[in-house]
Amino acid sequence: MPGRVLVIEDEPGLVLALTDRLGSVGYDVDCATDGEAGLERALETNYDVIILDIMLPRKDGFEVCRDLRKKGVTSAILMLTARDRTSDKVVGLKLGADDYLTKPFESAELLARIEALLRRVPPAGSKTPDPYVFGDVEVRLKSAEVLRDGKPVKLSAREFKLLKHFVEHPSVVLSRNELLDAVWGYNFIPSTRTVDVHVAWLRHKLEPDQRHPRHIVTVHGLGYRFEP
């Protein structure tokens, strides 16, 4: 699973520790020590994961996160901060961060978070068409709208995230645990039955025949596969 990681952090000791630890398990790591340099690197190169500190010189992590998402960068963003404040977490996630980790942290937890993000986010450089069309369904990813036969389909936020994950991973068998991790998040531990219920709701709203689904297919004993 190792991929390409950009570390945007201004503490030299932490930069060295992260670079060594990530490199030791096979990640290709680049670094930037201020927000402006980090933003420039992230716009020039496709990274799988960006580890982004909030307290940075020249441009803070919130601004970097916001600018990356505005410019269409889809890399997973893991924000770091020494402040364990709920408000910081909310702001970061609203600006487009995918996960959040408070300093100090154990390297094992960081690696687990990165692995979870790599399962959740499409590989760097991959591009899902927007709008994405399958059958009589049109999925508008940026505006979070879904149409069927040209008519709006009302989906909950969770249903839309699940559908989005399916269309970003076509023809791939996804286990229930992978879907839980990708859609419900690293720290949320519901029953795998939750996935089955949400898949049933999607089928009811989007499949021509929900009893014989054409697009969201059950792979018995393994999970689900999206067939566009």
C-alpha atoms as a PDB file:
ATOM      1  CA  MET A   1       0.000   0.000   0.000  1.00  0.00           C
ATOM      2  CA  PRO A   2       2.895   2.534   0.468  1.00  0.00           C
ATOM      3  CA  GLY A   3       2.607   5.565  -1.803  1.00  0.00           C
ATOM      4  CA  ARG A   4       3.815   9.138  -2.070  1.00  0.00           C
ATOM      5  CA  VAL A   5       3.533  11.412   0.987  1.00  0.00           C
ATOM      6  CA  LEU A   6       4.152  15.140   1.422  1.00  0.00           C
ATOM      7  CA  VAL A   7       4.959  16.331   4.946  1.00  0.00           C
ATOM      8  CA  ILE A   8       4.282  20.053   5.529  1.00  0.00           C
ATOM      9  CA  GLU A   9       5.729  20.708   8.994  1.00  0.00           C
ATOM     10  CA  ASP A  10       8.105  23.328  10.425  1.00  0.00           C
ATOM     11  CA  GLU A  11       9.500  21.432  13.444  1.00  0.00           C
ATOM     12  CA  PRO A  12      12.877  20.004  12.245  1.00  0.00           C
ATOM     13  CA  GLY A  13      12.862  17.138  14.738  1.00  0.00           C
ATOM     14  CA  LEU A  14       9.382  16.016  13.741  1.00  0.00           C
ATOM     15  CA  VAL A  15      10.172  16.360  10.037  1.00  0.00           C
ATOM     16  CA  LEU A  16      13.190  14.087  10.481  1.00  0.00           C
ATOM     17  CA  ALA A  17      11.238  11.573  12.574  1.00  0.00           C
ATOM     18  CA  LEU A  18       8.336  11.426  10.099  1.00  0.00           C
ATOM     19  CA  THR A  19      10.641  11.151   7.090  1.00  0.00           C
ATOM     20  CA  ASP A  20      12.632   8.306   8.643  1.00  0.00           C
ATOM     21  CA  ARG A  21       9.588   6.407   9.901  1.00  0.00           C
ATOM     22  CA  LEU A  22       7.578   6.701   6.694  1.00  0.00           C
ATOM     23  CA  GLY A  23      10.600   5.917   4.552  1.00  0.00           C
ATOM     24  CA  SER A  24      11.348   2.813   6.614  1.00  0.00           C
ATOM     25  CA  VAL A  25       8.018   1.249   5.627  1.00  0.00           C
ATOM     26  CA  GLY A  26       8.292   2.117   1.947  1.00  0.00           C
ATOM     27  CA  TYR A  27       6.675   5.538   1.517  1.00  0.00           C
ATOM     28  CA  ASP A  28       8.226   8.034  -0.894  1.00  0.00           C
ATOM     29  CA  VAL A  29       8.417  11.196   1.249  1.00  0.00           C
ATOM     30  CA  ASP A  30       8.852  14.867   0.321  1.00  0.00           C
ATOM     31  CA  CYS A  31       8.928  17.723   2.826  1.00  0.00           C
ATOM     32  CA  ALA A  32       8.157  21.426   3.036  1.00  0.00           C
ATOM     33  CA  THR A  33       8.736  23.598   6.104  1.00  0.00           C
ATOM     34  CA  ASP A  34       6.247  26.429   5.485  1.00  0.00           C
ATOM     35  CA  GLY A  35       2.743  26.747   4.112  1.00  0.00           C
ATOM     36  CA  GLU A  36       3.628  28.548   0.878  1.00  0.00           C
ATOM     37  CA  ALA A  37       6.287  26.000  -0.076  1.00  0.00           C
ATOM     38  CA  GLY A  38       3.997  23.133   0.885  1.00  0.00           C
ATOM     39  CA  LEU A  39       1.153  24.480  -1.240  1.00  0.00           C
ATOM     40  CA  GLU A  40       3.483  24.905  -4.209  1.00  0.00           C
ATOM     41  CA  ARG A  41       4.800  21.332  -3.907  1.00  0.00           C
ATOM     42  CA  ALA A  42       1.302  19.879  -3.523  1.00  0.00           C
ATOM     43  CA  LEU A  43       0.149  21.670  -6.676  1.00  0.00           C
ATOM     44  CA  GLU A  44       3.169  20.509  -8.693  1.00  0.00           C
ATOM     45  CA  THR A  45       3.106  16.798  -7.746  1.00  0.00           C
ATOM     46  CA  ASN A  46       0.419  14.165  -7.201  1.00  0.00           C
ATOM     47  CA  TYR A  47       0.661  12.936  -3.610  1.00  0.00           C
ATOM     48  CA  ASP A  48      -1.402  10.140  -2.118  1.00  0.00           C
ATOM     49  CA  VAL A  49      -1.369  11.706   1.366  1.00  0.00           C
ATOM     50  CA  ILE A  50      -0.461  15.183   2.620  1.00  0.00           C
ATOM     51  CA  ILE A  51       0.476  15.453   6.309  1.00  0.00           C
ATOM     52  CA  LEU A  52      -0.295  19.079   7.109  1.00  0.00           C
ATOM     53  CA  ASP A  53       0.520  20.939  10.321  1.00  0.00           C
ATOM     54  CA  ILE A  54      -1.826  23.783  11.285  1.00  0.00           C
ATOM     55  CA  MET A  55       0.715  26.161  12.859  1.00  0.00           C
ATOM     56  CA  LEU A  56       2.998  26.989   9.922  1.00  0.00           C
ATOM     57  CA  PRO A  57       4.969  30.084   8.879  1.00  0.00           C
ATOM     58  CA  ARG A  58       3.930  32.150   5.825  1.00  0.00           C
ATOM     59  CA  LYS A  59       0.578  30.356   5.396  1.00  0.00           C
ATOM     60  CA  ASP A  60      -1.184  28.297   8.064  1.00  0.00           C
ATOM     61  CA  GLY A  61      -2.492  24.776   7.541  1.00  0.00           C
ATOM     62  CA  PHE A  62      -6.112  25.869   7.326  1.00  0.00           C
ATOM     63  CA  GLU A  63      -5.300  28.212   4.433  1.00  0.00           C
ATOM     64  CA  VAL A  64      -3.222  25.547   2.683  1.00  0.00           C
ATOM     65  CA  CYS A  65      -6.028  22.989   3.015  1.00  0.00           C
ATOM     66  CA  ARG A  66      -8.619  25.431   1.721  1.00  0.00           C
ATOM     67  CA  ASP A  67      -6.457  26.466  -1.271  1.00  0.00           C
ATOM     68  CA  LEU A  68      -5.664  22.850  -2.194  1.00  0.00           C
ATOM     69  CA  ARG A  69      -9.332  21.889  -2.281  1.00  0.00           C
ATOM     70  CA  LYS A  70     -10.270  25.036  -4.223  1.00  0.00           C
ATOM     71  CA  LYS A  71      -7.677  24.115  -6.841  1.00  0.00           C
ATOM     72  CA  GLY A  72      -9.048  20.591  -7.162  1.00  0.00           C
ATOM     73  CA  VAL A  73      -6.303  18.661  -5.340  1.00  0.00           C
ATOM     74  CA  THR A  74      -7.836  15.352  -4.213  1.00  0.00           C
ATOM     75  CA  SER A  75      -4.921  13.981  -2.168  1.00  0.00           C
ATOM     76  CA  ALA A  76      -5.901  12.775   1.288  1.00  0.00           C
ATOM     77  CA  ILE A  77      -5.091  15.433   3.902  1.00  0.00           C
ATOM     78  CA  LEU A  78      -4.159  14.459   7.465  1.00  0.00           C
ATOM     79  CA  MET A  79      -3.936  17.549   9.658  1.00  0.00           C
ATOM     80  CA  LEU A  80      -1.595  17.782  12.672  1.00  0.00           C
ATOM     81  CA  THR A  81      -1.831  20.157  15.592  1.00  0.00           C
ATOM     82  CA  ALA A  82      -0.554  20.541  19.129  1.00  0.00           C
ATOM     83  CA  ARG A  83      -3.938  21.972  20.121  1.00  0.00           C
ATOM     84  CA  ASP A  84      -6.537  19.408  21.098  1.00  0.00           C
ATOM     85  CA  ARG A  85      -9.478  21.660  20.436  1.00  0.00           C
ATOM     86  CA  THR A  86     -12.720  20.453  18.891  1.00  0.00           C
ATOM     87  CA  SER A  87     -13.127  23.763  17.058  1.00  0.00           C
ATOM     88  CA  ASP A  88      -9.829  23.233  15.206  1.00  0.00           C
ATOM     89  CA  LYS A  89     -10.941  19.778  14.139  1.00  0.00           C
ATOM     90  CA  VAL A  90     -14.283  21.063  12.875  1.00  0.00           C
ATOM     91  CA  VAL A  91     -12.657  23.883  10.888  1.00  0.00           C
ATOM     92  CA  GLY A  92     -10.099  21.551   9.330  1.00  0.00           C
ATOM     93  CA  LEU A  93     -12.669  18.963   8.308  1.00  0.00           C
ATOM     94  CA  LYS A  94     -15.003  21.617   6.873  1.00  0.00           C
ATOM     95  CA  LEU A  95     -12.149  22.976   4.770  1.00  0.00           C
ATOM     96  CA  GLY A  96     -11.607  19.530   3.245  1.00  0.00           C
ATOM     97  CA  ALA A  97      -9.249  17.626   5.532  1.00  0.00           C
ATOM     98  CA  ASP A  98      -9.836  13.864   5.658  1.00  0.00           C
ATOM     99  CA  ASP A  99      -8.504  13.134   9.140  1.00  0.00           C
ATOM    100  CA  TYR A 100      -6.979  14.823  12.162  1.00  0.00           C
ATOM    101  CA  LEU A 101      -4.222  13.840  14.601  1.00  0.00           C
ATOM    102  CA  THR A 102      -3.197  15.694  17.765  1.00  0.00           C
ATOM    103  CA  LYS A 103       0.439  15.973  18.846  1.00  0.00           C
ATOM    104  CA  PRO A 104       2.098  14.143  20.484  1.00  0.00           C
ATOM    105  CA  PHE A 105       1.180  10.902  18.733  1.00  0.00           C
ATOM    106  CA  GLU A 106       2.637   7.430  18.350  1.00  0.00           C
ATOM    107  CA  SER A 107       4.106   6.547  14.962  1.00  0.00           C
ATOM    108  CA  ALA A 108       1.991   3.378  14.887  1.00  0.00           C
ATOM    109  CA  GLU A 109      -1.183   5.453  15.044  1.00  0.00           C
ATOM    110  CA  LEU A 110       0.042   7.779  12.304  1.00  0.00           C
ATOM    111  CA  LEU A 111       0.797   4.812  10.035  1.00  0.00           C
ATOM    112  CA  ALA A 112      -2.625   3.312  10.751  1.00  0.00           C
ATOM    113  CA  ARG A 113      -4.313   6.617   9.879  1.00  0.00           C
ATOM    114  CA  ILE A 114      -2.354   6.882   6.617  1.00  0.00           C
ATOM    115  CA  GLU A 115      -3.220   3.310   5.644  1.00  0.00           C
ATOM    116  CA  ALA A 116      -6.891   4.043   6.335  1.00  0.00           C
ATOM    117  CA  LEU A 117      -6.741   7.167   4.174  1.00  0.00           C
ATOM    118  CA  LEU A 118      -5.119   5.271   1.308  1.00  0.00           C
ATOM    119  CA  ARG A 119      -8.026   2.816   1.375  1.00  0.00           C
ATOM    120  CA  ARG A 120     -10.501   5.677   1.484  1.00  0.00           C
ATOM    121  CA  VAL A 121      -9.163   8.034  -1.189  1.00  0.00           C
ATOM    122  CA  PRO A 122      -8.613   7.230  -4.909  1.00  0.00           C
ATOM    123  CA  PRO A 123      -4.942   6.883  -5.920  1.00  0.00           C
ATOM    124  CA  ALA A 124      -3.143  10.138  -6.748  1.00  0.00           C
ATOM    125  CA  GLY A 125      -3.465  11.070 -10.403  1.00  0.00           C
ATOM    126  CA  SER A 126      -6.646   9.072 -10.919  1.00  0.00           C
ATOM    127  CA  LYS A 127      -9.548  11.084 -12.254  1.00  0.00           C
ATOM    128  CA  THR A 128     -13.214  10.241 -11.921  1.00  0.00           C
ATOM    129  CA  PRO A 129     -15.339  12.062 -14.521  1.00  0.00           C
ATOM    130  CA  ASP A 130     -17.650  14.713 -13.122  1.00  0.00           C
ATOM    131  CA  PRO A 131     -20.492  14.286 -13.755  1.00  0.00           C
ATOM    132  CA  TYR A 132     -20.203  10.491 -13.596  1.00  0.00           C
ATOM    133  CA  VAL A 133     -22.894   8.652 -15.543  1.00  0.00           C
ATOM    134  CA  PHE A 134     -23.987   5.024 -15.274  1.00  0.00           C
ATOM    135  CA  GLY A 135     -27.239   3.615 -16.605  1.00  0.00           C
ATOM    136  CA  ASP A 136     -29.862   6.347 -16.204  1.00  0.00           C
ATOM    137  CA  VAL A 137     -28.048   7.878 -13.215  1.00  0.00           C
ATOM    138  CA  GLU A 138     -25.917  11.036 -13.232  1.00  0.00           C
ATOM    139  CA  VAL A 139     -23.688  11.735 -10.222  1.00  0.00           C
ATOM    140  CA  ARG A 140     -22.430  15.296  -9.878  1.00  0.00           C
ATOM    141  CA  LEU A 141     -19.487  14.862  -7.535  1.00  0.00           C
ATOM    142  CA  LYS A 142     -18.580  18.488  -6.867  1.00  0.00           C
ATOM    143  CA  SER A 143     -22.123  19.638  -6.146  1.00  0.00           C
ATOM    144  CA  ALA A 144     -23.155  16.367  -4.410  1.00  0.00           C
ATOM    145  CA  GLU A 145     -26.221  16.001  -6.629  1.00  0.00           C
ATOM    146  CA  VAL A 146     -27.669  12.827  -8.120  1.00  0.00           C
ATOM    147  CA  LEU A 147     -30.145  12.652 -11.003  1.00  0.00           C
ATOM    148  CA  ARG A 148     -32.053   9.677 -12.348  1.00  0.00           C
ATOM    149  CA  ASP A 149     -33.721  10.087 -15.723  1.00  0.00           C
ATOM    150  CA  GLY A 150     -32.952  13.774 -15.323  1.00  0.00           C
ATOM    151  CA  LYS A 151     -34.877  14.054 -12.056  1.00  0.00           C
ATOM    152  CA  PRO A 152     -33.200  14.818  -8.700  1.00  0.00           C
ATOM    153  CA  VAL A 153     -32.731  11.898  -6.305  1.00  0.00           C
ATOM    154  CA  LYS A 154     -32.616  12.754  -2.609  1.00  0.00           C
ATOM    155  CA  LEU A 155     -29.716  11.002  -0.865  1.00  0.00           C
ATOM    156  CA  SER A 156     -28.506  11.426   2.684  1.00  0.00           C
ATOM    157  CA  ALA A 157     -24.921  12.635   3.138  1.00  0.00           C
ATOM    158  CA  ARG A 158     -23.852   9.099   4.068  1.00  0.00           C
ATOM    159  CA  GLU A 159     -25.607   7.569   1.065  1.00  0.00           C
ATOM    160  CA  PHE A 160     -23.880  10.052  -1.217  1.00  0.00           C
ATOM    161  CA  LYS A 161     -20.459   9.321   0.311  1.00  0.00           C
ATOM    162  CA  LEU A 162     -21.048   5.610  -0.172  1.00  0.00           C
ATOM    163  CA  LEU A 163     -22.121   6.103  -3.791  1.00  0.00           C
ATOM    164  CA  LYS A 164     -19.138   8.374  -4.414  1.00  0.00           C
ATOM    165  CA  HIS A 165     -16.779   5.722  -3.059  1.00  0.00           C
ATOM    166  CA  PHE A 166     -18.328   3.110  -5.329  1.00  0.00           C
ATOM    167  CA  VAL A 167     -18.028   5.219  -8.491  1.00  0.00           C
ATOM    168  CA  GLU A 168     -14.417   6.110  -7.625  1.00  0.00           C
ATOM    169  CA  HIS A 169     -13.579   2.368  -7.371  1.00  0.00           C
ATOM    170  CA  PRO A 170     -15.389   0.727 -10.312  1.00  0.00           C
ATOM    171  CA  SER A 171     -15.159  -3.054 -10.778  1.00  0.00           C
ATOM    172  CA  VAL A 172     -13.265  -3.455  -7.480  1.00  0.00           C
ATOM    173  CA  VAL A 173     -14.485  -5.799  -4.743  1.00  0.00           C
ATOM    174  CA  LEU A 174     -14.866  -3.735  -1.562  1.00  0.00           C
ATOM    175  CA  SER A 175     -15.328  -5.498   1.758  1.00  0.00           C
ATOM    176  CA  ARG A 176     -17.838  -4.214   4.295  1.00  0.00           C
ATOM    177  CA  ASN A 177     -14.991  -3.271   6.626  1.00  0.00           C
ATOM    178  CA  GLU A 178     -13.280  -1.283   3.859  1.00  0.00           C
ATOM    179  CA  LEU A 179     -16.530   0.563   3.170  1.00  0.00           C
ATOM    180  CA  LEU A 180     -17.035   1.280   6.866  1.00  0.00           C
ATOM    181  CA  ASP A 181     -13.528   2.692   7.057  1.00  0.00           C
ATOM    182  CA  ALA A 182     -13.892   4.775   3.889  1.00  0.00           C
ATOM    183  CA  VAL A 183     -17.390   6.161   4.440  1.00  0.00           C
ATOM    184  CA  TRP A 184     -17.958   6.130   8.203  1.00  0.00           C
ATOM    185  CA  GLY A 185     -14.373   6.863   9.190  1.00  0.00           C
ATOM    186  CA  TYR A 186     -11.406   5.478  11.088  1.00  0.00           C
ATOM    187  CA  ASN A 187     -12.801   6.131  14.574  1.00  0.00           C
ATOM    188  CA  PHE A 188     -16.366   4.940  13.925  1.00  0.00           C
ATOM    189  CA  ILE A 189     -17.079   1.292  14.680  1.00  0.00           C
ATOM    190  CA  PRO A 190     -20.654   0.388  13.726  1.00  0.00           C
ATOM    191  CA  SER A 191     -21.870  -3.041  12.697  1.00  0.00           C
ATOM    192  CA  THR A 192     -21.105  -4.200   9.167  1.00  0.00           C
ATOM    193  CA  ARG A 193     -24.887  -4.502   8.896  1.00  0.00           C
ATOM    194  CA  THR A 194     -24.847  -0.707   8.594  1.00  0.00           C
ATOM    195  CA  VAL A 195     -23.249  -1.067   5.158  1.00  0.00           C
ATOM    196  CA  ASP A 196     -25.880  -3.560   4.011  1.00  0.00           C
ATOM    197  CA  VAL A 197     -28.678  -1.210   5.057  1.00  0.00           C
ATOM    198  CA  HIS A 198     -27.197   1.758   3.185  1.00  0.00           C
ATOM    199  CA  VAL A 199     -26.524  -0.357   0.095  1.00  0.00           C
ATOM    200  CA  ALA A 200     -30.172  -1.447   0.162  1.00  0.00           C
ATOM    201  CA  TRP A 201     -31.268   2.186   0.297  1.00  0.00           C
ATOM    202  CA  LEU A 202     -29.026   3.080  -2.664  1.00  0.00           C
ATOM    203  CA  ARG A 203     -30.374   0.162  -4.665  1.00  0.00           C
ATOM    204  CA  HIS A 204     -33.951   1.201  -3.897  1.00  0.00           C
ATOM    205  CA  LYS A 205     -33.266   4.714  -5.199  1.00  0.00           C
ATOM    206  CA  LEU A 206     -30.959   3.987  -8.140  1.00  0.00           C
ATOM    207  CA  GLU A 207     -31.295   0.425  -9.459  1.00  0.00           C
ATOM    208  CA  PRO A 208     -33.840  -0.434 -12.190  1.00  0.00           C
ATOM    209  CA  ASP A 209     -34.666  -3.610 -10.207  1.00  0.00           C
ATOM    210  CA  GLN A 210     -33.396  -3.581  -6.624  1.00  0.00           C
ATOM    211  CA  ARG A 211     -34.048  -7.320  -6.233  1.00  0.00           C
ATOM    212  CA  HIS A 212     -31.717  -8.011  -9.161  1.00  0.00           C
ATOM    213  CA  PRO A 213     -29.178  -5.166  -8.934  1.00  0.00           C
ATOM    214  CA  ARG A 214     -27.208  -4.344 -12.038  1.00  0.00           C
ATOM    215  CA  HIS A 215     -24.732  -1.801 -10.679  1.00  0.00           C
ATOM    216  CA  ILE A 216     -24.130  -2.391  -6.955  1.00  0.00           C
ATOM    217  CA  VAL A 217     -23.507  -6.118  -6.989  1.00  0.00           C
ATOM    218  CA  THR A 218     -23.109  -8.411  -3.988  1.00  0.00           C
ATOM    219  CA  VAL A 219     -19.984 -10.568  -4.058  1.00  0.00           C
ATOM    220  CA  HIS A 220     -20.949 -13.332  -1.633  1.00  0.00           C
ATOM    221  CA  GLY A 221     -18.516 -13.805   1.225  1.00  0.00           C
ATOM    222  CA  LEU A 222     -16.444 -10.774   0.186  1.00  0.00           C
ATOM    223  CA  GLY A 223     -18.519  -7.585  -0.045  1.00  0.00           C
ATOM    224  CA  TYR A 224     -19.767  -5.446  -2.925  1.00  0.00           C
ATOM    225  CA  ARG A 225     -18.619  -4.470  -6.413  1.00  0.00           C
ATOM    226  CA  PHE A 226     -19.770  -1.430  -8.408  1.00  0.00           C
ATOM    227  CA  GLU A 227     -20.335  -2.176 -12.098  1.00  0.00           C
ATOM    228  CA  PRO A 228     -21.007   0.952 -14.167  1.00  0.00           C
END
